[in-house]
Amino acid sequence: MAENTGEIRFGFTTGSCAAAAAKAATYMLLTGKEKTDITIETPKGIPYHAEIVEITRQEELVKCAVIKDGGSDPDITTGCHVFAEVTYADAIGILIDGGEGVGRVTLPGLDQPVGNAAINHVPREMIEKEVLEVCNVCDYRGGLRVIISVPEGRELAEKTFNPRLGILGGISILGTSGIVEPMSSKALLDTIRVELNQKRALGQTYVAVSPGNYGLEFMKKTYDYDLDRSVKCSNFIGDTIDMAKEIGFSGMLLTGHIGKLIKVSGGMMNTHSKEGDCRMELLAAAGLKAGCSADSARAILDGNVTEEGVRILLEEGKLEAAMAYVMERIMFFLRKRAGENLKIECMTYANQYGLLAKSAGAEDMLHQLIDGKGL
């Protein structure tokens, strides 16, 4: 069940559900004992106590499920069954794949390569960690095969962007923190305000803001900066700027994946897909501005994800110029929203290509935040 935090409940991701079901199935397979509840540790450090349902036990196969609870988040996957089937494998190690209702990647530029089940890398790491923990307790050194399935997944996927992204046959198994933080507008805006107030109360005059955890590894490796230290604004970039001004910050650094921030270059201050999705159009326009060919612009428009468009621009030798133009437009709209009393800087990156563009003062502001000089 989702945890309670006052009026707001957070839930647990499909990745956490898959890891919990896999851990329970592994325990039942290796011990021969039934398990109706299990606890895992999420990457956020919050334990997940999951009820195990729909248990099938055979001598060399165990299958069971966890029912997804998204908490206060209006999550279409809430109530679905996330199954894990665990069997013995000849190969050493933990082999993870998707079954019924879990999508399969058919286009490049996503978290998983073409051909893989759409089980993102953090959920895969969670599943492996929890299964190996049981193996160690049971002193089992052989291989195991874990199949994650979601019977409702194919139908649910039609309500997501998965078909457009080239993920076919079901939903994705997602999650970077293991928990689902509330995404209803009021609840999330209240959460953002609380985080901003806390940082200002601690004496910070600068604040780092990020839509989410995409780019976590890049920022840590390149700048030794943990994105967990930033305020998560989700899609509410404009509202977060307004609140930062109101609360009294003198500077704000926005860092984010190009898939979100490309929208800001078109003046969108709420980057949720329901507000509009012009990512590929803006990227193609930036490419044309930088001098890319009409064929490349058409290829970008025909693409599904911004990382694919970045690859096209890179191959044509126009990426640097295009991203410089994108950042110029982003900064125009950010400064227009921020006004005179809030200094604002920005950095954007791609998972596969690293830093794409930064405003003139972005690195300086980041180093001040890292060094604590923004206090």
Protein backbone atom coordinates (compact mmCIF):
# COMPACT_ATOMS: atom_id res chain seq x y z
CA MET A 1 0.00 0.00 0.00
CA ALA A 2 1.07 3.59 -0.53
CA GLU A 3 2.49 5.47 2.44
CA ASN A 4 0.68 8.41 4.01
CA THR A 5 2.34 11.82 4.28
CA GLY A 6 -0.35 14.03 5.75
CA GLU A 7 -2.88 14.77 3.05
CA ILE A 8 -0.62 13.55 0.27
CA ARG A 9 0.09 9.88 -0.39
CA PHE A 10 3.00 8.71 -2.42
CA GLY A 11 2.89 5.34 -4.11
CA PHE A 12 5.38 2.93 -5.60
CA THR A 13 6.53 2.55 -9.19
CA THR A 14 5.99 -0.40 -11.48
CA GLY A 15 9.72 -1.01 -11.00
CA SER A 16 9.25 -1.40 -7.24
CA CYS A 17 6.27 -3.71 -7.80
CA ALA A 18 8.31 -5.85 -10.20
CA ALA A 19 11.24 -6.05 -7.77
CA ALA A 20 8.97 -6.98 -4.86
CA ALA A 21 7.17 -9.68 -6.85
CA ALA A 22 10.48 -11.06 -8.12
CA LYS A 23 11.93 -11.19 -4.61
CA ALA A 24 8.89 -13.00 -3.24
CA ALA A 25 8.81 -15.48 -6.14
CA THR A 26 12.51 -16.20 -5.71
CA TYR A 27 12.04 -16.81 -1.99
CA MET A 28 9.19 -19.25 -2.62
CA LEU A 29 11.11 -21.07 -5.36
CA LEU A 30 14.29 -21.51 -3.32
CA THR A 31 12.70 -22.28 0.07
CA GLY A 32 9.50 -24.07 -0.92
CA LYS A 33 7.59 -21.85 1.53
CA GLU A 34 4.71 -19.55 0.67
CA LYS A 35 5.24 -15.79 1.07
CA THR A 36 2.28 -13.41 1.23
CA ASP A 37 4.17 -10.19 1.94
CA ILE A 38 7.67 -8.89 1.24
CA THR A 39 9.78 -5.79 1.91
CA ILE A 40 12.26 -4.20 -0.47
CA GLU A 41 14.41 -1.08 -0.20
CA THR A 42 13.70 1.53 -2.90
CA PRO A 43 16.52 3.65 -4.39
CA LYS A 44 14.97 6.59 -2.51
CA GLY A 45 15.77 4.75 0.73
CA ILE A 46 12.09 4.26 1.58
CA PRO A 47 11.10 0.64 2.32
CA TYR A 48 8.23 -0.85 0.34
CA HIS A 49 6.06 -3.38 2.20
CA ALA A 50 4.18 -5.20 -0.54
CA GLU A 51 1.31 -7.67 -0.36
CA ILE A 52 1.84 -10.70 -2.60
CA VAL A 53 -1.18 -12.03 -4.50
CA GLU A 54 -2.08 -14.47 -7.30
CA ILE A 55 0.55 -17.01 -6.20
CA THR A 56 1.29 -20.01 -8.43
CA ARG A 57 3.82 -22.53 -7.07
CA GLN A 58 5.37 -25.43 -8.96
CA GLU A 59 8.54 -27.42 -8.35
CA GLU A 60 10.65 -25.36 -10.76
CA LEU A 61 8.50 -22.27 -11.23
CA VAL A 62 6.88 -19.66 -9.01
CA LYS A 63 4.73 -16.80 -10.23
CA CYS A 64 3.14 -14.07 -8.12
CA ALA A 65 1.96 -10.48 -8.35
CA VAL A 66 1.90 -7.12 -6.61
CA ILE A 67 -1.00 -4.72 -7.20
CA LYS A 68 0.23 -1.27 -8.25
CA ASP A 69 -0.78 1.65 -6.02
CA GLY A 70 0.20 5.07 -7.36
CA GLY A 71 -0.80 6.94 -4.19
CA SER A 72 -2.10 10.46 -4.86
CA ASP A 73 -0.71 10.41 -8.38
CA PRO A 74 -3.38 10.14 -11.11
CA ASP A 75 -1.56 7.10 -12.50
CA ILE A 76 -3.30 4.92 -15.10
CA THR A 77 -1.34 1.88 -13.90
CA THR A 78 -2.82 2.03 -10.38
CA GLY A 79 -4.67 -1.22 -9.73
CA CYS A 80 -2.87 -3.29 -12.35
CA HIS A 81 -1.12 -6.56 -11.49
CA VAL A 82 2.65 -6.64 -11.89
CA PHE A 83 3.67 -10.31 -12.07
CA ALA A 84 7.08 -11.90 -11.70
CA GLU A 85 7.70 -15.48 -12.83
CA VAL A 86 10.96 -16.99 -11.58
CA THR A 87 12.46 -20.22 -12.91
CA TYR A 88 15.85 -21.90 -12.80
CA ALA A 89 18.28 -21.04 -15.62
CA ASP A 90 21.33 -22.83 -16.97
CA ALA A 91 23.35 -19.63 -17.28
CA ILE A 92 24.84 -18.07 -14.16
CA GLY A 93 23.30 -14.79 -13.07
CA ILE A 94 19.87 -13.20 -13.13
CA LEU A 95 18.25 -13.05 -16.58
CA ILE A 96 15.46 -10.46 -16.78
CA ASP A 97 12.90 -10.18 -19.57
CA GLY A 98 9.37 -9.00 -20.20
CA GLY A 99 6.29 -11.08 -20.80
CA GLU A 100 2.62 -10.36 -21.48
CA GLY A 101 1.72 -6.68 -21.28
CA VAL A 102 5.28 -5.39 -21.02
CA GLY A 103 6.27 -3.40 -24.10
CA ARG A 104 9.23 -4.12 -26.32
CA VAL A 105 11.53 -1.42 -27.72
CA THR A 106 11.48 -1.07 -31.51
CA LEU A 107 13.12 2.34 -32.02
CA PRO A 108 16.49 3.73 -30.84
CA GLY A 109 17.10 6.50 -28.34
CA LEU A 110 15.30 5.03 -25.33
CA ASP A 111 16.58 3.68 -22.01
CA GLN A 112 16.81 0.14 -23.41
CA PRO A 113 18.24 -0.96 -26.77
CA VAL A 114 16.03 -2.08 -29.65
CA GLY A 115 14.71 -5.58 -29.03
CA ASN A 116 14.77 -5.41 -25.24
CA ALA A 117 11.72 -5.47 -23.03
CA ALA A 118 10.83 -1.95 -21.88
CA ILE A 119 12.11 -2.55 -18.35
CA ASN A 120 14.29 0.47 -17.63
CA HIS A 121 17.77 0.16 -16.13
CA VAL A 122 16.89 1.21 -12.57
CA PRO A 123 14.05 -1.35 -12.24
CA ARG A 124 16.40 -3.99 -13.70
CA GLU A 125 18.99 -3.11 -11.05
CA MET A 126 16.32 -3.26 -8.33
CA ILE A 127 15.09 -6.67 -9.49
CA GLU A 128 18.61 -8.09 -9.64
CA LYS A 129 19.53 -6.68 -6.22
CA GLU A 130 16.46 -8.10 -4.48
CA VAL A 131 16.70 -11.50 -6.17
CA LEU A 132 20.41 -11.83 -5.37
CA GLU A 133 19.69 -10.94 -1.74
CA VAL A 134 17.41 -13.99 -1.51
CA CYS A 135 19.95 -16.15 -3.38
CA ASN A 136 22.64 -15.19 -0.87
CA VAL A 137 20.41 -15.96 2.11
CA CYS A 138 19.53 -19.34 0.59
CA ASP A 139 23.14 -20.01 -0.46
CA TYR A 140 22.03 -20.50 -4.08
CA ARG A 141 24.78 -19.91 -6.66
CA GLY A 142 22.99 -20.93 -9.85
CA GLY A 143 21.14 -18.89 -12.44
CA LEU A 144 17.56 -17.65 -12.41
CA ARG A 145 15.26 -16.32 -15.12
CA VAL A 146 12.82 -13.56 -14.16
CA ILE A 147 9.90 -12.70 -16.46
CA ILE A 148 7.91 -9.55 -15.61
CA SER A 149 4.38 -9.33 -17.00
CA VAL A 150 1.36 -7.05 -16.64
CA PRO A 151 -1.82 -8.68 -18.00
CA GLU A 152 -3.56 -5.29 -18.27
CA GLY A 153 -0.50 -3.72 -19.89
CA ARG A 154 -1.40 -3.95 -23.57
CA GLU A 155 -4.68 -2.11 -23.05
CA LEU A 156 -3.13 0.46 -20.69
CA ALA A 157 -0.34 1.20 -23.14
CA GLU A 158 -2.83 2.65 -25.62
CA LYS A 159 -3.41 5.48 -23.12
CA THR A 160 0.31 6.31 -22.98
CA PHE A 161 2.94 7.64 -25.39
CA ASN A 162 4.50 4.17 -25.70
CA PRO A 163 3.14 3.42 -29.21
CA ARG A 164 4.43 6.77 -30.45
CA LEU A 165 7.83 6.12 -28.87
CA GLY A 166 8.11 2.76 -30.57
CA ILE A 167 7.41 0.68 -27.45
CA LEU A 168 4.95 -1.93 -28.63
CA GLY A 169 2.82 -4.54 -26.91
CA GLY A 170 2.48 -3.05 -23.44
CA ILE A 171 3.55 -0.58 -20.79
CA SER A 172 7.05 0.21 -19.59
CA ILE A 173 8.42 -0.84 -16.21
CA LEU A 174 9.68 2.47 -14.89
CA GLY A 175 11.01 4.41 -11.93
CA THR A 176 14.25 6.09 -10.89
CA SER A 177 13.51 6.48 -7.19
CA GLY A 178 11.16 3.53 -6.67
CA ILE A 179 8.37 5.75 -5.38
CA VAL A 180 5.61 7.68 -7.13
CA GLU A 181 5.54 11.21 -5.80
CA PRO A 182 2.18 13.02 -6.06
CA MET A 183 1.70 14.57 -9.48
CA SER A 184 -1.72 16.19 -9.13
CA SER A 185 -1.21 19.86 -9.84
CA LYS A 186 -2.08 21.30 -6.44
CA ALA A 187 -0.33 18.55 -4.50
CA LEU A 188 2.82 18.83 -6.57
CA LEU A 189 2.89 22.63 -6.49
CA ASP A 190 2.49 22.50 -2.71
CA THR A 191 5.39 20.05 -2.54
CA ILE A 192 7.58 22.31 -4.70
CA ARG A 193 6.76 25.29 -2.49
CA VAL A 194 7.64 23.34 0.66
CA GLU A 195 11.02 22.33 -0.79
CA LEU A 196 11.78 25.89 -1.88
CA ASN A 197 10.79 27.26 1.52
CA GLN A 198 13.01 24.72 3.27
CA LYS A 199 16.06 25.66 1.21
CA ARG A 200 15.44 29.37 1.68
CA ALA A 201 15.00 28.86 5.43
CA LEU A 202 18.42 27.19 5.47
CA GLY A 203 19.89 30.40 4.11
CA GLN A 204 20.20 29.53 0.42
CA THR A 205 20.00 32.49 -1.97
CA TYR A 206 20.50 30.32 -5.08
CA VAL A 207 18.45 27.21 -5.82
CA ALA A 208 18.94 24.34 -8.27
CA VAL A 209 15.78 23.14 -10.02
CA SER A 210 15.29 20.10 -12.24
CA PRO A 211 12.19 18.50 -13.79
CA GLY A 212 13.28 15.07 -12.51
CA ASN A 213 16.14 12.61 -12.19
CA TYR A 214 16.95 12.22 -15.89
CA GLY A 215 20.63 13.04 -16.22
CA LEU A 216 21.42 12.03 -12.64
CA GLU A 217 24.47 9.98 -13.69
CA PHE A 218 25.66 12.66 -16.14
CA MET A 219 25.53 15.47 -13.56
CA LYS A 220 27.25 13.30 -10.94
CA LYS A 221 30.03 12.17 -13.28
CA THR A 222 30.62 15.52 -15.00
CA TYR A 223 30.10 17.99 -12.17
CA ASP A 224 30.03 15.81 -9.05
CA TYR A 225 26.57 17.21 -8.41
CA ASP A 226 23.71 15.06 -7.13
CA LEU A 227 20.42 16.02 -8.76
CA ASP A 228 18.67 14.77 -5.61
CA ARG A 229 19.85 18.06 -4.06
CA SER A 230 17.77 20.05 -6.52
CA VAL A 231 14.10 20.93 -6.20
CA LYS A 232 12.05 18.71 -8.52
CA CYS A 233 9.66 20.91 -10.47
CA SER A 234 8.21 18.18 -12.72
CA ASN A 235 6.49 19.99 -15.62
CA PHE A 236 5.85 23.21 -13.67
CA ILE A 237 8.85 25.28 -14.75
CA GLY A 238 7.03 28.61 -14.93
CA ASP A 239 5.24 28.15 -11.61
CA THR A 240 8.52 27.21 -9.95
CA ILE A 241 10.19 30.37 -11.25
CA ASP A 242 7.27 32.40 -9.85
CA MET A 243 7.58 30.74 -6.46
CA ALA A 244 11.37 31.15 -6.35
CA LYS A 245 10.91 34.90 -6.91
CA GLU A 246 8.13 35.14 -4.34
CA ILE A 247 10.11 33.26 -1.68
CA GLY A 248 13.11 35.52 -2.16
CA PHE A 249 15.78 33.62 -4.05
CA SER A 250 18.24 35.77 -5.97
CA GLY A 251 19.32 33.02 -8.40
CA MET A 252 17.96 29.81 -9.94
CA LEU A 253 19.74 27.15 -12.00
CA LEU A 254 17.50 25.00 -14.19
CA THR A 255 19.05 21.74 -15.40
CA GLY A 256 17.18 19.19 -17.44
CA HIS A 257 17.00 16.71 -20.28
CA ILE A 258 16.57 18.15 -23.76
CA GLY A 259 13.25 16.29 -24.10
CA LYS A 260 11.76 18.61 -21.48
CA LEU A 261 13.69 21.83 -22.00
CA ILE A 262 13.31 21.91 -25.80
CA LYS A 263 9.69 22.84 -25.09
CA VAL A 264 10.82 25.88 -23.10
CA SER A 265 12.59 27.12 -26.25
CA GLY A 266 9.09 27.45 -27.72
CA GLY A 267 7.81 29.41 -24.72
CA MET A 268 6.09 26.50 -22.95
CA MET A 269 6.36 26.97 -19.18
CA ASN A 270 4.37 23.81 -18.43
CA THR A 271 6.02 20.91 -20.26
CA HIS A 272 3.32 18.28 -19.69
CA SER A 273 2.27 16.55 -22.90
CA LYS A 274 -1.35 17.53 -22.29
CA GLU A 275 -0.27 21.17 -22.67
CA GLY A 276 1.31 20.44 -26.05
CA ASP A 277 4.08 18.39 -27.59
CA CYS A 278 6.26 20.26 -30.07
CA ARG A 279 9.62 18.67 -29.25
CA MET A 280 10.51 17.41 -32.69
CA GLU A 281 9.18 20.50 -34.46
CA LEU A 282 11.31 22.80 -32.28
CA LEU A 283 14.34 20.58 -32.73
CA ALA A 284 13.87 20.52 -36.51
CA ALA A 285 13.48 24.31 -36.55
CA ALA A 286 16.71 24.69 -34.57
CA GLY A 287 18.44 22.37 -37.03
CA LEU A 288 17.28 24.47 -39.98
CA LYS A 289 18.39 27.64 -38.22
CA ALA A 290 21.83 26.03 -37.81
CA GLY A 291 21.98 25.16 -41.51
CA CYS A 292 21.07 21.47 -41.56
CA SER A 293 19.62 20.00 -44.73
CA ALA A 294 15.92 19.73 -45.45
CA ASP A 295 16.29 15.94 -45.47
CA SER A 296 17.71 16.00 -41.94
CA ALA A 297 14.94 18.30 -40.76
CA ARG A 298 12.36 15.91 -42.22
CA ALA A 299 14.10 12.97 -40.52
CA ILE A 300 13.91 14.81 -37.18
CA LEU A 301 10.21 15.51 -37.71
CA ASP A 302 9.64 11.82 -38.49
CA GLY A 303 11.47 10.82 -35.28
CA ASN A 304 9.88 9.92 -31.98
CA VAL A 305 12.36 11.02 -29.31
CA THR A 306 14.65 14.02 -28.98
CA GLU A 307 17.78 11.88 -28.53
CA GLU A 308 17.16 10.56 -32.05
CA GLY A 309 16.99 14.14 -33.32
CA VAL A 310 20.21 14.97 -31.46
CA ARG A 311 21.91 12.05 -33.21
CA ILE A 312 20.80 13.33 -36.62
CA LEU A 313 22.13 16.83 -35.87
CA LEU A 314 25.41 15.41 -34.60
CA GLU A 315 25.91 13.30 -37.72
CA GLU A 316 25.34 16.36 -39.90
CA GLY A 317 27.78 18.45 -37.85
CA LYS A 318 25.09 20.95 -36.83
CA LEU A 319 24.49 19.92 -33.22
CA GLU A 320 26.57 22.61 -31.53
CA ALA A 321 25.03 25.45 -33.54
CA ALA A 322 21.51 24.09 -33.15
CA MET A 323 21.86 23.69 -29.39
CA ALA A 324 23.32 27.19 -29.06
CA TYR A 325 20.17 28.51 -30.75
CA VAL A 326 17.93 26.35 -28.55
CA MET A 327 19.64 27.69 -25.41
CA GLU A 328 19.32 31.27 -26.68
CA ARG A 329 15.55 30.78 -27.02
CA ILE A 330 15.27 28.97 -23.67
CA MET A 331 17.04 31.84 -21.92
CA PHE A 332 14.83 34.40 -23.65
CA PHE A 333 11.70 32.83 -22.19
CA LEU A 334 13.23 32.02 -18.79
CA ARG A 335 14.43 35.61 -18.33
CA LYS A 336 11.10 36.96 -19.49
CA ARG A 337 9.37 34.90 -16.79
CA ALA A 338 12.00 35.55 -14.10
CA GLY A 339 12.10 39.31 -14.49
CA GLU A 340 14.84 41.54 -13.09
CA ASN A 341 15.06 40.27 -9.51
CA LEU A 342 15.87 36.60 -10.19
CA LYS A 343 19.07 35.68 -11.98
CA ILE A 344 18.39 32.52 -13.97
CA GLU A 345 20.75 30.11 -15.74
CA CYS A 346 20.22 26.83 -17.57
CA MET A 347 21.97 23.62 -18.67
CA THR A 348 20.53 20.89 -20.88
CA TYR A 349 21.86 17.44 -21.74
CA ALA A 350 21.00 14.13 -23.35
CA ASN A 351 21.49 10.70 -21.82
CA GLN A 352 23.64 9.42 -24.68
CA TYR A 353 25.42 12.66 -25.63
CA GLY A 354 26.05 14.47 -22.35
CA LEU A 355 26.02 18.26 -22.13
CA LEU A 356 24.34 19.87 -25.13
CA ALA A 357 24.20 23.54 -24.15
CA LYS A 358 24.57 25.88 -21.19
CA SER A 359 23.90 29.54 -20.56
CA ALA A 360 26.84 31.87 -19.95
CA GLY A 361 26.65 31.79 -16.16
CA ALA A 362 25.36 28.25 -15.64
CA GLU A 363 28.59 26.53 -14.62
CA ASP A 364 29.54 29.37 -12.29
CA MET A 365 26.17 29.18 -10.54
CA LEU A 366 26.42 25.39 -10.31
CA HIS A 367 29.87 25.58 -8.71
CA GLN A 368 28.58 28.15 -6.24
CA LEU A 369 25.78 25.76 -5.31
CA ILE A 370 28.24 22.85 -4.98
CA ASP A 371 30.64 24.93 -2.87
CA GLY A 372 27.86 26.29 -0.69
CA LYS A 373 28.48 29.88 -1.79
CA GLY A 374 24.85 30.21 -2.74
CA LEU A 375 24.06 30.25 0.95
